[in-house]
Amino acid sequence: MERLTDQQIAEQLTAAAGWVRTDEKWIEKKYRFKSFMDGIAFVNKVAELSEQHDHHPLIAIDYKLVTLRLSSWNAGGLTDLDLRMAVECNELYEQVR
């Protein structure tokens, strides 16, 4: 897996609404839910998606707020897979919110 350049990351982030680059290796997004159980339902969907891609985000659950952080450990930074996962997580959010 090849790391993306800064320009590639900036271009691809435009398709991943709400995701922000927190540093050179990570992108992050916070998702808000009506209830704790809605947040957990979303996290379960993200877990299924992650298993399909064999790519696992850092997940923090704070009552009705779920924070996802993505990076490709084996590439030492951001790859196409991170940005694809970001877009797919946004799609999952639209399904469960």
C-alpha atoms as a PDB file:
ATOM      1  CA  MET A   1       0.000   0.000   0.000  1.00  0.00           C
ATOM      2  CA  GLU A   2       1.418   3.362  -1.028  1.00  0.00           C
ATOM      3  CA  ARG A   3       1.161   6.550   1.024  1.00  0.00           C
ATOM      4  CA  LEU A   4      -0.649   9.457  -0.556  1.00  0.00           C
ATOM      5  CA  THR A   5       1.006  12.810  -1.153  1.00  0.00           C
ATOM      6  CA  ASP A   6      -0.291  15.913   0.617  1.00  0.00           C
ATOM      7  CA  GLN A   7      -1.936  17.032  -2.618  1.00  0.00           C
ATOM      8  CA  GLN A   8      -3.636  13.663  -3.165  1.00  0.00           C
ATOM      9  CA  ILE A   9      -4.950  13.707   0.410  1.00  0.00           C
ATOM     10  CA  ALA A  10      -6.329  17.228   0.022  1.00  0.00           C
ATOM     11  CA  GLU A  11      -8.046  16.302  -3.251  1.00  0.00           C
ATOM     12  CA  GLN A  12      -9.560  13.080  -1.903  1.00  0.00           C
ATOM     13  CA  LEU A  13     -10.732  14.694   1.350  1.00  0.00           C
ATOM     14  CA  THR A  14     -13.173  16.779  -0.698  1.00  0.00           C
ATOM     15  CA  ALA A  15     -15.189  13.588  -1.300  1.00  0.00           C
ATOM     16  CA  ALA A  16     -15.149  12.695   2.408  1.00  0.00           C
ATOM     17  CA  ALA A  17     -17.431  15.362   3.881  1.00  0.00           C
ATOM     18  CA  GLY A  18     -16.561  16.380   7.421  1.00  0.00           C
ATOM     19  CA  TRP A  19     -13.309  14.441   7.641  1.00  0.00           C
ATOM     20  CA  VAL A  20     -10.281  16.500   8.630  1.00  0.00           C
ATOM     21  CA  ARG A  21      -6.599  15.820   8.553  1.00  0.00           C
ATOM     22  CA  THR A  22      -5.335  16.063  12.115  1.00  0.00           C
ATOM     23  CA  ASP A  23      -1.658  15.595  11.261  1.00  0.00           C
ATOM     24  CA  GLU A  24       0.497  14.011   8.577  1.00  0.00           C
ATOM     25  CA  LYS A  25      -0.705  10.480   9.361  1.00  0.00           C
ATOM     26  CA  TRP A  26      -4.344  10.751  10.463  1.00  0.00           C
ATOM     27  CA  ILE A  27      -7.802  11.834   9.357  1.00  0.00           C
ATOM     28  CA  GLU A  28     -10.674  12.115  11.815  1.00  0.00           C
ATOM     29  CA  LYS A  29     -14.411  12.698  11.991  1.00  0.00           C
ATOM     30  CA  LYS A  30     -16.895  13.027  14.845  1.00  0.00           C
ATOM     31  CA  TYR A  31     -20.419  11.671  14.370  1.00  0.00           C
ATOM     32  CA  ARG A  32     -23.333  12.722  16.617  1.00  0.00           C
ATOM     33  CA  PHE A  33     -26.360  10.548  17.310  1.00  0.00           C
ATOM     34  CA  LYS A  34     -29.777  10.907  18.920  1.00  0.00           C
ATOM     35  CA  SER A  35     -29.010   8.158  21.423  1.00  0.00           C
ATOM     36  CA  PHE A  36     -26.216   5.993  22.747  1.00  0.00           C
ATOM     37  CA  MET A  37     -27.767   2.947  21.048  1.00  0.00           C
ATOM     38  CA  ASP A  38     -27.783   4.717  17.662  1.00  0.00           C
ATOM     39  CA  GLY A  39     -24.064   5.381  18.119  1.00  0.00           C
ATOM     40  CA  ILE A  40     -23.436   1.743  18.987  1.00  0.00           C
ATOM     41  CA  ALA A  41     -25.431   0.605  15.920  1.00  0.00           C
ATOM     42  CA  PHE A  42     -23.168   2.800  13.786  1.00  0.00           C
ATOM     43  CA  VAL A  43     -20.013   1.429  15.409  1.00  0.00           C
ATOM     44  CA  ASN A  44     -21.214  -2.117  14.700  1.00  0.00           C
ATOM     45  CA  LYS A  45     -21.684  -1.223  11.015  1.00  0.00           C
ATOM     46  CA  VAL A  46     -18.223   0.350  10.939  1.00  0.00           C
ATOM     47  CA  ALA A  47     -16.817  -2.851  12.471  1.00  0.00           C
ATOM     48  CA  GLU A  48     -18.380  -4.933   9.675  1.00  0.00           C
ATOM     49  CA  LEU A  49     -17.034  -2.565   7.018  1.00  0.00           C
ATOM     50  CA  SER A  50     -13.597  -2.622   8.642  1.00  0.00           C
ATOM     51  CA  GLU A  51     -13.482  -6.393   8.588  1.00  0.00           C
ATOM     52  CA  GLN A  52     -14.420  -6.428   4.889  1.00  0.00           C
ATOM     53  CA  HIS A  53     -11.500  -4.114   4.089  1.00  0.00           C
ATOM     54  CA  ASP A  54      -9.136  -5.599   6.702  1.00  0.00           C
ATOM     55  CA  HIS A  55      -8.599  -2.015   7.847  1.00  0.00           C
ATOM     56  CA  HIS A  56      -9.514  -0.937  11.351  1.00  0.00           C
ATOM     57  CA  PRO A  57     -10.033   2.612  12.633  1.00  0.00           C
ATOM     58  CA  LEU A  58      -9.450   3.944  16.090  1.00  0.00           C
ATOM     59  CA  ILE A  59     -12.919   4.339  17.603  1.00  0.00           C
ATOM     60  CA  ALA A  60     -13.896   6.427  20.618  1.00  0.00           C
ATOM     61  CA  ILE A  61     -17.449   6.347  21.972  1.00  0.00           C
ATOM     62  CA  ASP A  62     -18.570   9.133  24.275  1.00  0.00           C
ATOM     63  CA  TYR A  63     -22.287   8.640  24.912  1.00  0.00           C
ATOM     64  CA  LYS A  64     -23.875  10.066  21.709  1.00  0.00           C
ATOM     65  CA  LEU A  65     -20.608  11.050  20.041  1.00  0.00           C
ATOM     66  CA  VAL A  66     -18.494   8.609  18.039  1.00  0.00           C
ATOM     67  CA  THR A  67     -15.040   9.645  16.845  1.00  0.00           C
ATOM     68  CA  LEU A  68     -13.298   7.686  14.094  1.00  0.00           C
ATOM     69  CA  ARG A  69      -9.619   8.075  13.223  1.00  0.00           C
ATOM     70  CA  LEU A  70      -8.061   6.489  10.152  1.00  0.00           C
ATOM     71  CA  SER A  71      -4.475   5.817   9.099  1.00  0.00           C
ATOM     72  CA  SER A  72      -2.681   2.933   7.400  1.00  0.00           C
ATOM     73  CA  TRP A  73      -0.239   1.543   9.938  1.00  0.00           C
ATOM     74  CA  ASN A  74       1.703  -0.549   7.447  1.00  0.00           C
ATOM     75  CA  ALA A  75       2.186   2.431   5.087  1.00  0.00           C
ATOM     76  CA  GLY A  76       3.098   4.827   7.873  1.00  0.00           C
ATOM     77  CA  GLY A  77       0.430   7.312   6.857  1.00  0.00           C
ATOM     78  CA  LEU A  78      -2.637   7.871   4.729  1.00  0.00           C
ATOM     79  CA  THR A  79      -3.503   5.718   1.715  1.00  0.00           C
ATOM     80  CA  ASP A  80      -6.370   5.374  -0.745  1.00  0.00           C
ATOM     81  CA  LEU A  81      -7.945   2.856   1.606  1.00  0.00           C
ATOM     82  CA  ASP A  82      -8.223   5.427   4.402  1.00  0.00           C
ATOM     83  CA  LEU A  83     -10.046   7.862   2.157  1.00  0.00           C
ATOM     84  CA  ARG A  84     -12.337   5.137   0.747  1.00  0.00           C
ATOM     85  CA  MET A  85     -13.165   4.054   4.285  1.00  0.00           C
ATOM     86  CA  ALA A  86     -13.956   7.672   5.220  1.00  0.00           C
ATOM     87  CA  VAL A  87     -16.461   7.949   2.369  1.00  0.00           C
ATOM     88  CA  GLU A  88     -18.010   4.570   3.224  1.00  0.00           C
ATOM     89  CA  CYS A  89     -18.306   5.491   6.918  1.00  0.00           C
ATOM     90  CA  ASN A  90     -20.192   8.635   5.890  1.00  0.00           C
ATOM     91  CA  GLU A  91     -22.559   6.456   3.844  1.00  0.00           C
ATOM     92  CA  LEU A  92     -23.128   4.170   6.846  1.00  0.00           C
ATOM     93  CA  TYR A  93     -23.879   7.196   9.007  1.00  0.00           C
ATOM     94  CA  GLU A  94     -26.597   8.296   6.596  1.00  0.00           C
ATOM     95  CA  GLN A  95     -28.164   4.820   6.874  1.00  0.00           C
ATOM     96  CA  VAL A  96     -28.330   4.689  10.685  1.00  0.00           C
ATOM     97  CA  ARG A  97     -28.875   8.259  11.839  1.00  0.00           C
END
